[in-house]
Amino acid sequence: MTEHSETNWHRRNVLALGGGALLATALPRAAAASPLLRSDREGFADVPGGRVWWRISGSGSGTPLLLLHGGPGAGHDYLEPLASLAVDRPIIFYDQLGCGRSDKPDDPSLWRMERFVAEIDARRLALNLERVGLYGHSWGGWLAQEYMRSGAGANSVDRLILASSSASVAEFVAGAQRLLATLPDGMAARSRELEAAGETDGPEYQAIAESFYDRYVVHLDSPPPYLTKTFENVASSRTYAVMNGPSEFSVTGTLKTWDARSALARITVPTLVLRSEWDEVTLDCHEYLHRGIRGSQLAVLPKARHLAIVERPVAYSELVGKFLARIDHERT
């Protein structure tokens, strides 16, 4: 990993962020959109624990794509570049409970994987989504996998995109620790000492985390507005500290033991496993997903980090769009 010339983004801004060849042809659409899915609608839906905000961009005839953001708690905003795909299909954004425009109840018992799975079903039913594509980034990829194995409406999903994610938290943390070890000046060992001492809120730990995030999460000259909003979502989120922990490379919260590796073979829909070259989620995590999901595709976006969708939005959206179009074409 080499250093790059862009200006750093500070650790406090990025704390919670979190095959086959793809075809580039213009292809016909496969499925008619639900009559509820008109362009540029937004509103709130009741879910277990409160209300969540949602927005639909586009009204094309392709299968709607439901987006699961990362964090937990990052909100939908950094996924805004995927609105460019709305010419072909409805793109459905929403803020998960506890962040963004959605309710933020002060109830730690709500921050459980199974509740977030039920939240997806509530969103799907509220919009009458009989058939849907599912995209999950980072934590959203874990949530998407869990939905595929335990969601009541998992059979409504006809395609899946797992972006910058893994099949277990243990895999992710192991890879992140290897990346942490590439930092200079004994930062990895010092981070573990500070964690053991309970000093993860102090400036020294934050500086170590900043160095890690600058290399492997996001590195830009200046933030687009949707990334700034994402930072604000993280700051006000109820979920990250409870579910994740003090940093991306130290998961001590309720997600610590999450593991879906044994369930990968049960995913039978067309699946794209997508990562970036300098991702904090290491290549072996993505290769495990690729091997475990029969017929899946593995794509790597070069010269980008975990938030590749922000660093290289056009190239990223093109990769996603080509995969979706190919599935549409195969089903015409």
C-alpha atoms as a PDB file:
ATOM      1  CA  MET A   1       0.000   0.000   0.000  1.00  0.00           C
ATOM      2  CA  THR A   2       1.556   3.285  -1.076  1.00  0.00           C
ATOM      3  CA  GLU A   3       0.775   6.739   0.181  1.00  0.00           C
ATOM      4  CA  HIS A   4      -1.359   8.992  -2.021  1.00  0.00           C
ATOM      5  CA  SER A   5      -1.280  12.720  -2.593  1.00  0.00           C
ATOM      6  CA  GLU A   6      -4.825  13.696  -1.623  1.00  0.00           C
ATOM      7  CA  THR A   7      -5.555  15.565   1.600  1.00  0.00           C
ATOM      8  CA  ASN A   8      -6.371  13.490   4.677  1.00  0.00           C
ATOM      9  CA  TRP A   9      -9.850  12.971   6.090  1.00  0.00           C
ATOM     10  CA  HIS A  10      -9.722  12.924   9.846  1.00  0.00           C
ATOM     11  CA  ARG A  11     -10.634   9.828  11.846  1.00  0.00           C
ATOM     12  CA  ARG A  12     -13.539  11.553  13.598  1.00  0.00           C
ATOM     13  CA  ASN A  13     -15.206  11.902  10.187  1.00  0.00           C
ATOM     14  CA  VAL A  14     -15.033   8.233   9.233  1.00  0.00           C
ATOM     15  CA  LEU A  15     -15.431   6.402  12.524  1.00  0.00           C
ATOM     16  CA  ALA A  16     -18.474   4.307  11.625  1.00  0.00           C
ATOM     17  CA  LEU A  17     -17.722   3.512   8.030  1.00  0.00           C
ATOM     18  CA  GLY A  18     -17.693   1.485   8.462  1.00  0.00           C
ATOM     19  CA  GLY A  19     -16.125 -14.578 -11.145  1.00  0.00           C
ATOM     20  CA  GLY A  20     -17.352 -13.779 -14.330  1.00  0.00           C
ATOM     21  CA  ALA A  21     -16.770 -10.740 -16.463  1.00  0.00           C
ATOM     22  CA  LEU A  22     -19.313  -7.941 -16.309  1.00  0.00           C
ATOM     23  CA  LEU A  23     -21.050  -7.039 -19.561  1.00  0.00           C
ATOM     24  CA  ALA A  24     -21.284  -3.439 -20.742  1.00  0.00           C
ATOM     25  CA  THR A  25     -24.136  -3.672 -23.260  1.00  0.00           C
ATOM     26  CA  ALA A  26     -27.361  -1.669 -23.091  1.00  0.00           C
ATOM     27  CA  LEU A  27     -30.045  -4.215 -22.390  1.00  0.00           C
ATOM     28  CA  PRO A  28     -33.839  -4.318 -22.147  1.00  0.00           C
ATOM     29  CA  ARG A  29     -35.605  -4.256 -18.793  1.00  0.00           C
ATOM     30  CA  ALA A  30     -37.023  -7.353 -17.199  1.00  0.00           C
ATOM     31  CA  ALA A  31     -39.850  -6.582 -14.794  1.00  0.00           C
ATOM     32  CA  ALA A  32     -42.502  -3.921 -14.406  1.00  0.00           C
ATOM     33  CA  ALA A  33     -42.144  -1.706 -11.363  1.00  0.00           C
ATOM     34  CA  SER A  34     -44.736  -1.737  -8.592  1.00  0.00           C
ATOM     35  CA  PRO A  35     -47.451   0.899  -9.136  1.00  0.00           C
ATOM     36  CA  LEU A  36     -46.387   2.445  -5.814  1.00  0.00           C
ATOM     37  CA  LEU A  37     -42.909   3.161  -7.159  1.00  0.00           C
ATOM     38  CA  ARG A  38     -43.282   6.580  -8.777  1.00  0.00           C
ATOM     39  CA  SER A  39     -40.233   8.771  -9.270  1.00  0.00           C
ATOM     40  CA  ASP A  40     -38.956  11.011  -6.468  1.00  0.00           C
ATOM     41  CA  ARG A  41     -41.235   9.883  -3.698  1.00  0.00           C
ATOM     42  CA  GLU A  42     -40.258   9.935  -0.057  1.00  0.00           C
ATOM     43  CA  GLY A  43     -41.901   9.271   3.253  1.00  0.00           C
ATOM     44  CA  PHE A  44     -41.813   7.255   6.452  1.00  0.00           C
ATOM     45  CA  ALA A  45     -42.660   3.612   7.131  1.00  0.00           C
ATOM     46  CA  ASP A  46     -43.480   1.926  10.409  1.00  0.00           C
ATOM     47  CA  VAL A  47     -40.972  -0.748  11.393  1.00  0.00           C
ATOM     48  CA  PRO A  48     -40.323  -2.614  14.637  1.00  0.00           C
ATOM     49  CA  GLY A  49     -39.165   0.036  17.113  1.00  0.00           C
ATOM     50  CA  GLY A  50     -40.189   3.206  15.275  1.00  0.00           C
ATOM     51  CA  ARG A  51     -40.382   4.843  11.868  1.00  0.00           C
ATOM     52  CA  VAL A  52     -37.776   4.887   9.095  1.00  0.00           C
ATOM     53  CA  TRP A  53     -37.368   7.439   6.339  1.00  0.00           C
ATOM     54  CA  TRP A  54     -37.262   6.279   2.711  1.00  0.00           C
ATOM     55  CA  ARG A  55     -36.888   7.774  -0.762  1.00  0.00           C
ATOM     56  CA  ILE A  56     -37.439   6.323  -4.219  1.00  0.00           C
ATOM     57  CA  SER A  57     -35.466   7.680  -7.172  1.00  0.00           C
ATOM     58  CA  GLY A  58     -36.627   6.779 -10.666  1.00  0.00           C
ATOM     59  CA  SER A  59     -39.468   4.745 -12.091  1.00  0.00           C
ATOM     60  CA  GLY A  60     -37.853   2.638 -14.811  1.00  0.00           C
ATOM     61  CA  SER A  61     -39.135  -0.824 -15.626  1.00  0.00           C
ATOM     62  CA  GLY A  62     -36.144  -2.743 -14.244  1.00  0.00           C
ATOM     63  CA  THR A  63     -36.365  -4.666 -10.990  1.00  0.00           C
ATOM     64  CA  PRO A  64     -36.233  -2.168  -8.073  1.00  0.00           C
ATOM     65  CA  LEU A  65     -32.975  -2.047  -6.104  1.00  0.00           C
ATOM     66  CA  LEU A  66     -33.207  -1.725  -2.310  1.00  0.00           C
ATOM     67  CA  LEU A  67     -30.061  -0.284  -0.698  1.00  0.00           C
ATOM     68  CA  LEU A  68     -28.740  -1.280   2.740  1.00  0.00           C
ATOM     69  CA  HIS A  69     -26.209   1.253   3.992  1.00  0.00           C
ATOM     70  CA  GLY A  70     -23.236   0.575   6.218  1.00  0.00           C
ATOM     71  CA  GLY A  71     -22.198   1.608   9.688  1.00  0.00           C
ATOM     72  CA  PRO A  72     -24.285   0.588  11.525  1.00  0.00           C
ATOM     73  CA  GLY A  73     -25.577   4.142  11.597  1.00  0.00           C
ATOM     74  CA  ALA A  74     -24.011   5.727   8.513  1.00  0.00           C
ATOM     75  CA  GLY A  75     -27.331   6.470   6.819  1.00  0.00           C
ATOM     76  CA  HIS A  76     -28.134   6.365   3.123  1.00  0.00           C
ATOM     77  CA  ASP A  77     -26.408   9.584   2.039  1.00  0.00           C
ATOM     78  CA  TYR A  78     -23.028   8.253   0.893  1.00  0.00           C
ATOM     79  CA  LEU A  79     -24.883   5.860  -1.438  1.00  0.00           C
ATOM     80  CA  GLU A  80     -26.355   8.816  -3.384  1.00  0.00           C
ATOM     81  CA  PRO A  81     -24.176   8.122  -6.475  1.00  0.00           C
ATOM     82  CA  LEU A  82     -26.301   5.030  -7.118  1.00  0.00           C
ATOM     83  CA  ALA A  83     -29.185   7.365  -7.972  1.00  0.00           C
ATOM     84  CA  SER A  84     -27.552   7.504 -11.414  1.00  0.00           C
ATOM     85  CA  LEU A  85     -29.009   4.026 -12.006  1.00  0.00           C
ATOM     86  CA  ALA A  86     -32.560   5.327 -11.558  1.00  0.00           C
ATOM     87  CA  VAL A  87     -32.996   5.832 -15.301  1.00  0.00           C
ATOM     88  CA  ASP A  88     -33.351   2.058 -15.579  1.00  0.00           C
ATOM     89  CA  ARG A  89     -35.112   1.077 -12.344  1.00  0.00           C
ATOM     90  CA  PRO A  90     -36.394   2.471  -9.049  1.00  0.00           C
ATOM     91  CA  ILE A  91     -33.558   2.928  -6.546  1.00  0.00           C
ATOM     92  CA  ILE A  92     -34.823   2.753  -2.970  1.00  0.00           C
ATOM     93  CA  PHE A  93     -32.833   4.555  -0.290  1.00  0.00           C
ATOM     94  CA  TYR A  94     -33.625   4.448   3.401  1.00  0.00           C
ATOM     95  CA  ASP A  95     -32.053   5.304   6.731  1.00  0.00           C
ATOM     96  CA  GLN A  96     -32.093   2.363   9.109  1.00  0.00           C
ATOM     97  CA  LEU A  97     -33.667   2.945  12.499  1.00  0.00           C
ATOM     98  CA  GLY A  98     -31.376   4.886  14.815  1.00  0.00           C
ATOM     99  CA  CYS A  99     -29.739   7.163  12.259  1.00  0.00           C
ATOM    100  CA  GLY A 100     -30.248   9.850   9.640  1.00  0.00           C
ATOM    101  CA  ARG A 101     -33.806  11.021   9.105  1.00  0.00           C
ATOM    102  CA  SER A 102     -35.280   7.975  10.822  1.00  0.00           C
ATOM    103  CA  ASP A 103     -36.351   7.753  14.452  1.00  0.00           C
ATOM    104  CA  LYS A 104     -33.558   7.445  17.017  1.00  0.00           C
ATOM    105  CA  PRO A 105     -35.123   5.684  20.002  1.00  0.00           C
ATOM    106  CA  ASP A 106     -32.987   5.503  23.124  1.00  0.00           C
ATOM    107  CA  ASP A 107     -33.402   1.759  23.567  1.00  0.00           C
ATOM    108  CA  PRO A 108     -30.258  -0.390  23.192  1.00  0.00           C
ATOM    109  CA  SER A 109     -32.386  -3.554  23.056  1.00  0.00           C
ATOM    110  CA  LEU A 110     -33.418  -2.549  19.524  1.00  0.00           C
ATOM    111  CA  TRP A 111     -29.928  -2.813  18.107  1.00  0.00           C
ATOM    112  CA  ARG A 112     -30.057  -6.495  17.222  1.00  0.00           C
ATOM    113  CA  MET A 113     -29.492  -8.151  13.843  1.00  0.00           C
ATOM    114  CA  GLU A 114     -32.916  -9.830  13.855  1.00  0.00           C
ATOM    115  CA  ARG A 115     -34.700  -6.499  14.340  1.00  0.00           C
ATOM    116  CA  PHE A 116     -32.883  -5.001  11.340  1.00  0.00           C
ATOM    117  CA  VAL A 117     -33.907  -8.059   9.286  1.00  0.00           C
ATOM    118  CA  ALA A 118     -37.536  -7.478  10.291  1.00  0.00           C
ATOM    119  CA  GLU A 119     -37.078  -3.817   9.318  1.00  0.00           C
ATOM    120  CA  ILE A 120     -36.271  -4.857   5.731  1.00  0.00           C
ATOM    121  CA  ASP A 121     -39.472  -6.890   5.519  1.00  0.00           C
ATOM    122  CA  ALA A 122     -41.493  -3.987   6.893  1.00  0.00           C
ATOM    123  CA  ARG A 123     -39.976  -1.656   4.273  1.00  0.00           C
ATOM    124  CA  ARG A 124     -40.563  -4.145   1.459  1.00  0.00           C
ATOM    125  CA  LEU A 125     -44.201  -4.691   2.384  1.00  0.00           C
ATOM    126  CA  ALA A 126     -44.882  -0.979   2.848  1.00  0.00           C
ATOM    127  CA  LEU A 127     -43.838  -0.363  -0.766  1.00  0.00           C
ATOM    128  CA  ASN A 128     -45.418  -3.536  -2.148  1.00  0.00           C
ATOM    129  CA  LEU A 129     -42.101  -4.862  -3.437  1.00  0.00           C
ATOM    130  CA  GLU A 130     -42.995  -8.266  -4.808  1.00  0.00           C
ATOM    131  CA  ARG A 131     -39.605  -8.612  -6.517  1.00  0.00           C
ATOM    132  CA  VAL A 132     -36.468  -6.694  -5.578  1.00  0.00           C
ATOM    133  CA  GLY A 133     -32.715  -6.584  -5.969  1.00  0.00           C
ATOM    134  CA  LEU A 134     -30.783  -6.194  -2.710  1.00  0.00           C
ATOM    135  CA  TYR A 135     -27.557  -4.192  -2.342  1.00  0.00           C
ATOM    136  CA  GLY A 136     -25.635  -4.184   0.938  1.00  0.00           C
ATOM    137  CA  HIS A 137     -22.456  -2.244   1.646  1.00  0.00           C
ATOM    138  CA  SER A 138     -20.168  -3.141   4.570  1.00  0.00           C
ATOM    139  CA  TRP A 139     -22.477  -3.736   7.575  1.00  0.00           C
ATOM    140  CA  GLY A 140     -25.282  -3.592   5.006  1.00  0.00           C
ATOM    141  CA  GLY A 141     -23.696  -6.636   3.349  1.00  0.00           C
ATOM    142  CA  TRP A 142     -23.871  -8.551   6.626  1.00  0.00           C
ATOM    143  CA  LEU A 143     -27.492  -7.508   6.969  1.00  0.00           C
ATOM    144  CA  ALA A 144     -28.244  -8.611   3.396  1.00  0.00           C
ATOM    145  CA  GLN A 145     -26.750 -12.047   4.055  1.00  0.00           C
ATOM    146  CA  GLU A 146     -28.746 -12.400   7.237  1.00  0.00           C
ATOM    147  CA  TYR A 147     -31.894 -11.405   5.388  1.00  0.00           C
ATOM    148  CA  MET A 148     -31.243 -14.063   2.752  1.00  0.00           C
ATOM    149  CA  ARG A 149     -31.050 -16.786   5.402  1.00  0.00           C
ATOM    150  CA  SER A 150     -33.724 -15.645   7.853  1.00  0.00           C
ATOM    151  CA  GLY A 151     -35.870 -12.876   6.346  1.00  0.00           C
ATOM    152  CA  ALA A 152     -39.532 -13.710   5.870  1.00  0.00           C
ATOM    153  CA  GLY A 153     -39.436 -12.257   2.363  1.00  0.00           C
ATOM    154  CA  ALA A 154     -36.046 -13.550   1.255  1.00  0.00           C
ATOM    155  CA  ASN A 155     -37.668 -15.289  -1.721  1.00  0.00           C
ATOM    156  CA  SER A 156     -38.617 -11.842  -3.050  1.00  0.00           C
ATOM    157  CA  VAL A 157     -34.927 -11.089  -3.740  1.00  0.00           C
ATOM    158  CA  ASP A 158     -33.944 -11.967  -7.303  1.00  0.00           C
ATOM    159  CA  ARG A 159     -30.377 -10.593  -7.294  1.00  0.00           C
ATOM    160  CA  LEU A 160     -27.827  -9.640  -4.643  1.00  0.00           C
ATOM    161  CA  ILE A 161     -24.844  -7.293  -4.401  1.00  0.00           C
ATOM    162  CA  LEU A 162     -22.466  -7.694  -1.467  1.00  0.00           C
ATOM    163  CA  ALA A 163     -20.109  -4.719  -1.494  1.00  0.00           C
ATOM    164  CA  SER A 164     -17.031  -4.368   0.725  1.00  0.00           C
ATOM    165  CA  SER A 165     -18.339  -7.004   3.113  1.00  0.00           C
ATOM    166  CA  SER A 166     -17.520 -10.422   4.562  1.00  0.00           C
ATOM    167  CA  ALA A 167     -19.269 -13.606   5.614  1.00  0.00           C
ATOM    168  CA  SER A 168     -18.326 -13.176   9.273  1.00  0.00           C
ATOM    169  CA  VAL A 169     -17.134 -10.488  11.649  1.00  0.00           C
ATOM    170  CA  ALA A 170     -14.201 -12.661  12.722  1.00  0.00           C
ATOM    171  CA  GLU A 171     -12.907 -12.748   9.127  1.00  0.00           C
ATOM    172  CA  PHE A 172     -13.249  -9.010   8.767  1.00  0.00           C
ATOM    173  CA  VAL A 173     -11.474  -8.233  12.032  1.00  0.00           C
ATOM    174  CA  ALA A 174      -8.631 -10.641  11.234  1.00  0.00           C
ATOM    175  CA  GLY A 175      -8.067  -8.880   7.916  1.00  0.00           C
ATOM    176  CA  ALA A 176      -8.353  -5.437   9.460  1.00  0.00           C
ATOM    177  CA  GLN A 177      -5.765  -6.381  12.062  1.00  0.00           C
ATOM    178  CA  ARG A 178      -3.377  -7.416   9.276  1.00  0.00           C
ATOM    179  CA  LEU A 179      -3.868  -4.028   7.655  1.00  0.00           C
ATOM    180  CA  LEU A 180      -3.412  -2.307  11.009  1.00  0.00           C
ATOM    181  CA  ALA A 181      -0.055  -4.037  11.281  1.00  0.00           C
ATOM    182  CA  THR A 182       1.102  -2.200   8.135  1.00  0.00           C
ATOM    183  CA  LEU A 183       0.954   1.137   9.946  1.00  0.00           C
ATOM    184  CA  PRO A 184       4.318   2.509  11.106  1.00  0.00           C
ATOM    185  CA  ASP A 185       5.763   3.203  14.540  1.00  0.00           C
ATOM    186  CA  GLY A 186       4.197   0.276  16.394  1.00  0.00           C
ATOM    187  CA  MET A 187       0.674   1.668  15.997  1.00  0.00           C
ATOM    188  CA  ALA A 188      -0.967  -1.773  15.969  1.00  0.00           C
ATOM    189  CA  ALA A 189       0.580  -2.839  19.283  1.00  0.00           C
ATOM    190  CA  ARG A 190      -0.162   0.531  20.830  1.00  0.00           C
ATOM    191  CA  SER A 191      -3.814   0.388  19.724  1.00  0.00           C
ATOM    192  CA  ARG A 192      -4.223  -2.929  21.549  1.00  0.00           C
ATOM    193  CA  GLU A 193      -2.652  -1.466  24.697  1.00  0.00           C
ATOM    194  CA  LEU A 194      -5.045   1.481  24.597  1.00  0.00           C
ATOM    195  CA  GLU A 195      -8.024  -0.825  24.041  1.00  0.00           C
ATOM    196  CA  ALA A 196      -7.011  -2.955  27.020  1.00  0.00           C
ATOM    197  CA  ALA A 197      -6.723   0.196  29.140  1.00  0.00           C
ATOM    198  CA  GLY A 198     -10.147   1.468  28.006  1.00  0.00           C
ATOM    199  CA  GLU A 199      -8.595   4.575  26.465  1.00  0.00           C
ATOM    200  CA  THR A 200     -10.188   4.434  23.017  1.00  0.00           C
ATOM    201  CA  ASP A 201     -11.716   7.908  23.296  1.00  0.00           C
ATOM    202  CA  GLY A 202      -8.359   9.605  23.753  1.00  0.00           C
ATOM    203  CA  PRO A 203      -6.364  11.468  21.103  1.00  0.00           C
ATOM    204  CA  GLU A 204      -3.655   8.815  20.772  1.00  0.00           C
ATOM    205  CA  TYR A 205      -6.106   6.047  19.830  1.00  0.00           C
ATOM    206  CA  GLN A 206      -7.968   8.423  17.542  1.00  0.00           C
ATOM    207  CA  ALA A 207      -4.739   9.301  15.745  1.00  0.00           C
ATOM    208  CA  ILE A 208      -4.005   5.615  15.132  1.00  0.00           C
ATOM    209  CA  ALA A 209      -7.514   5.071  13.821  1.00  0.00           C
ATOM    210  CA  GLU A 210      -7.199   8.148  11.608  1.00  0.00           C
ATOM    211  CA  SER A 211      -4.072   6.699  10.002  1.00  0.00           C
ATOM    212  CA  PHE A 212      -5.878   3.408   9.358  1.00  0.00           C
ATOM    213  CA  TYR A 213      -8.965   5.089   7.893  1.00  0.00           C
ATOM    214  CA  ASP A 214      -6.903   7.362   5.674  1.00  0.00           C
ATOM    215  CA  ARG A 215      -5.263   4.334   4.080  1.00  0.00           C
ATOM    216  CA  TYR A 216      -8.205   1.955   3.888  1.00  0.00           C
ATOM    217  CA  VAL A 217     -11.550   3.763   4.290  1.00  0.00           C
ATOM    218  CA  VAL A 218     -11.625   7.143   2.494  1.00  0.00           C
ATOM    219  CA  HIS A 219      -9.088   9.691   1.246  1.00  0.00           C
ATOM    220  CA  LEU A 220     -10.301  12.791  -0.624  1.00  0.00           C
ATOM    221  CA  ASP A 221      -9.361  16.392  -1.373  1.00  0.00           C
ATOM    222  CA  SER A 222     -12.772  17.655  -0.266  1.00  0.00           C
ATOM    223  CA  PRO A 223     -16.024  15.961   0.722  1.00  0.00           C
ATOM    224  CA  PRO A 224     -19.137  15.922  -1.447  1.00  0.00           C
ATOM    225  CA  PRO A 225     -22.210  17.036   0.517  1.00  0.00           C
ATOM    226  CA  TYR A 226     -23.559  13.511   0.851  1.00  0.00           C
ATOM    227  CA  LEU A 227     -20.363  12.402   2.583  1.00  0.00           C
ATOM    228  CA  THR A 228     -20.527  15.326   4.980  1.00  0.00           C
ATOM    229  CA  LYS A 229     -24.087  14.293   5.795  1.00  0.00           C
ATOM    230  CA  THR A 230     -22.889  10.741   6.397  1.00  0.00           C
ATOM    231  CA  PHE A 231     -20.421  12.018   8.994  1.00  0.00           C
ATOM    232  CA  GLU A 232     -23.287  13.853  10.686  1.00  0.00           C
ATOM    233  CA  ASN A 233     -25.364  10.659  10.661  1.00  0.00           C
ATOM    234  CA  VAL A 234     -22.551   8.768  12.349  1.00  0.00           C
ATOM    235  CA  ALA A 235     -22.189  11.432  15.026  1.00  0.00           C
ATOM    236  CA  SER A 236     -25.879  11.227  15.948  1.00  0.00           C
ATOM    237  CA  SER A 237     -26.367   7.490  15.458  1.00  0.00           C
ATOM    238  CA  ARG A 238     -27.617   5.292  18.300  1.00  0.00           C
ATOM    239  CA  THR A 239     -26.245   2.088  16.858  1.00  0.00           C
ATOM    240  CA  TYR A 240     -22.517   2.069  16.082  1.00  0.00           C
ATOM    241  CA  ALA A 241     -21.053   1.951  19.583  1.00  0.00           C
ATOM    242  CA  VAL A 242     -23.542  -0.693  20.738  1.00  0.00           C
ATOM    243  CA  MET A 243     -23.250  -2.976  17.714  1.00  0.00           C
ATOM    244  CA  ASN A 244     -19.675  -2.400  16.543  1.00  0.00           C
ATOM    245  CA  GLY A 245     -17.365  -0.901  19.154  1.00  0.00           C
ATOM    246  CA  PRO A 246     -14.559   1.658  19.369  1.00  0.00           C
ATOM    247  CA  SER A 247     -13.203   1.402  15.809  1.00  0.00           C
ATOM    248  CA  GLU A 248     -13.415  -0.454  12.519  1.00  0.00           C
ATOM    249  CA  PHE A 249     -10.531  -2.750  13.479  1.00  0.00           C
ATOM    250  CA  SER A 250     -11.868  -3.535  16.978  1.00  0.00           C
ATOM    251  CA  VAL A 251     -15.389  -4.995  17.002  1.00  0.00           C
ATOM    252  CA  THR A 252     -16.504  -5.530  20.599  1.00  0.00           C
ATOM    253  CA  GLY A 253     -20.255  -4.899  20.314  1.00  0.00           C
ATOM    254  CA  THR A 254     -23.235  -7.145  19.653  1.00  0.00           C
ATOM    255  CA  LEU A 255     -21.999  -7.984  16.142  1.00  0.00           C
ATOM    256  CA  LYS A 256     -18.775  -9.523  17.426  1.00  0.00           C
ATOM    257  CA  THR A 257     -19.876 -13.154  16.991  1.00  0.00           C
ATOM    258  CA  TRP A 258     -21.981 -12.744  13.836  1.00  0.00           C
ATOM    259  CA  ASP A 259     -21.140 -15.460  11.304  1.00  0.00           C
ATOM    260  CA  ALA A 260     -23.024 -16.475   8.141  1.00  0.00           C
ATOM    261  CA  ARG A 261     -20.365 -18.650   6.538  1.00  0.00           C
ATOM    262  CA  SER A 262     -22.365 -21.843   6.913  1.00  0.00           C
ATOM    263  CA  ALA A 263     -25.352 -20.267   5.127  1.00  0.00           C
ATOM    264  CA  LEU A 264     -23.637 -19.046   1.947  1.00  0.00           C
ATOM    265  CA  ALA A 265     -24.552 -22.149  -0.038  1.00  0.00           C
ATOM    266  CA  ARG A 266     -28.230 -21.331   0.507  1.00  0.00           C
ATOM    267  CA  ILE A 267     -27.884 -18.140  -1.560  1.00  0.00           C
ATOM    268  CA  THR A 268     -28.952 -19.154  -5.054  1.00  0.00           C
ATOM    269  CA  VAL A 269     -29.769 -15.821  -6.714  1.00  0.00           C
ATOM    270  CA  PRO A 270     -27.274 -14.110  -9.062  1.00  0.00           C
ATOM    271  CA  THR A 271     -24.757 -12.372  -6.815  1.00  0.00           C
ATOM    272  CA  LEU A 272     -22.071  -9.752  -7.355  1.00  0.00           C
ATOM    273  CA  VAL A 273     -19.276  -9.593  -4.762  1.00  0.00           C
ATOM    274  CA  LEU A 274     -17.717  -6.141  -5.108  1.00  0.00           C
ATOM    275  CA  ARG A 275     -14.664  -4.690  -3.412  1.00  0.00           C
ATOM    276  CA  SER A 276     -12.075  -1.981  -3.943  1.00  0.00           C
ATOM    277  CA  GLU A 277      -8.332  -2.392  -4.273  1.00  0.00           C
ATOM    278  CA  TRP A 278      -7.413  -0.728  -0.958  1.00  0.00           C
ATOM    279  CA  ASP A 279     -10.492  -1.817   0.990  1.00  0.00           C
ATOM    280  CA  GLU A 280     -10.411  -2.263   4.753  1.00  0.00           C
ATOM    281  CA  VAL A 281     -12.322  -5.496   4.085  1.00  0.00           C
ATOM    282  CA  THR A 282      -9.521  -7.659   2.752  1.00  0.00           C
ATOM    283  CA  LEU A 283      -9.534  -9.666  -0.461  1.00  0.00           C
ATOM    284  CA  ASP A 284      -9.705 -13.038   1.310  1.00  0.00           C
ATOM    285  CA  CYS A 285     -13.076 -12.026   2.811  1.00  0.00           C
ATOM    286  CA  HIS A 286     -14.476 -11.345  -0.645  1.00  0.00           C
ATOM    287  CA  GLU A 287     -12.961 -14.505  -2.100  1.00  0.00           C
ATOM    288  CA  TYR A 288     -14.674 -16.512   0.646  1.00  0.00           C
ATOM    289  CA  LEU A 289     -18.020 -14.994  -0.316  1.00  0.00           C
ATOM    290  CA  HIS A 290     -17.311 -15.671  -3.984  1.00  0.00           C
ATOM    291  CA  ARG A 291     -16.414 -19.324  -3.385  1.00  0.00           C
ATOM    292  CA  GLY A 292     -19.317 -19.884  -1.022  1.00  0.00           C
ATOM    293  CA  ILE A 293     -22.048 -18.443  -3.271  1.00  0.00           C
ATOM    294  CA  ARG A 294     -22.366 -20.644  -6.304  1.00  0.00           C
ATOM    295  CA  GLY A 295     -22.191 -18.787  -9.611  1.00  0.00           C
ATOM    296  CA  SER A 296     -21.320 -15.445  -8.027  1.00  0.00           C
ATOM    297  CA  GLN A 297     -19.117 -12.845  -9.693  1.00  0.00           C
ATOM    298  CA  LEU A 298     -16.168 -11.142  -8.013  1.00  0.00           C
ATOM    299  CA  ALA A 299     -15.213  -7.645  -9.180  1.00  0.00           C
ATOM    300  CA  VAL A 300     -12.444  -5.396  -7.828  1.00  0.00           C
ATOM    301  CA  LEU A 301     -12.499  -1.642  -8.430  1.00  0.00           C
ATOM    302  CA  PRO A 302      -8.894  -0.390  -8.618  1.00  0.00           C
ATOM    303  CA  LYS A 303      -7.428   2.660  -6.930  1.00  0.00           C
ATOM    304  CA  ALA A 304     -10.108   3.063  -4.280  1.00  0.00           C
ATOM    305  CA  ARG A 305     -10.758   2.323  -0.623  1.00  0.00           C
ATOM    306  CA  HIS A 306     -13.715   1.100   1.430  1.00  0.00           C
ATOM    307  CA  LEU A 307     -15.812   4.091   0.352  1.00  0.00           C
ATOM    308  CA  ALA A 308     -15.074   3.535  -3.334  1.00  0.00           C
ATOM    309  CA  ILE A 309     -18.596   4.718  -4.110  1.00  0.00           C
ATOM    310  CA  VAL A 310     -17.481   8.170  -2.897  1.00  0.00           C
ATOM    311  CA  GLU A 311     -13.936   8.124  -4.258  1.00  0.00           C
ATOM    312  CA  ARG A 312     -14.854   6.768  -7.730  1.00  0.00           C
ATOM    313  CA  PRO A 313     -18.626   7.208  -8.022  1.00  0.00           C
ATOM    314  CA  VAL A 314     -18.951   6.932 -11.810  1.00  0.00           C
ATOM    315  CA  ALA A 315     -16.870   3.766 -12.183  1.00  0.00           C
ATOM    316  CA  TYR A 316     -18.545   2.222  -9.139  1.00  0.00           C
ATOM    317  CA  SER A 317     -22.064   2.884 -10.365  1.00  0.00           C
ATOM    318  CA  GLU A 318     -21.179   1.552 -13.811  1.00  0.00           C
ATOM    319  CA  LEU A 319     -20.037  -1.759 -12.300  1.00  0.00           C
ATOM    320  CA  VAL A 320     -23.266  -2.110 -10.354  1.00  0.00           C
ATOM    321  CA  GLY A 321     -25.390  -1.043 -13.319  1.00  0.00           C
ATOM    322  CA  LYS A 322     -23.800  -3.541 -15.715  1.00  0.00           C
ATOM    323  CA  PHE A 323     -24.443  -6.397 -13.324  1.00  0.00           C
ATOM    324  CA  LEU A 324     -28.089  -5.394 -12.894  1.00  0.00           C
ATOM    325  CA  ALA A 325     -28.573  -4.970 -16.648  1.00  0.00           C
ATOM    326  CA  ARG A 326     -27.104  -8.394 -17.376  1.00  0.00           C
ATOM    327  CA  ILE A 327     -29.593 -10.041 -15.020  1.00  0.00           C
ATOM    328  CA  ASP A 328     -32.431  -8.086 -16.644  1.00  0.00           C
ATOM    329  CA  HIS A 329     -31.292  -9.280 -20.061  1.00  0.00           C
ATOM    330  CA  GLU A 330     -31.043 -12.922 -19.005  1.00  0.00           C
ATOM    331  CA  ARG A 331     -34.645 -12.795 -17.797  1.00  0.00           C
ATOM    332  CA  THR A 332     -36.242 -11.277 -20.881  1.00  0.00           C
END
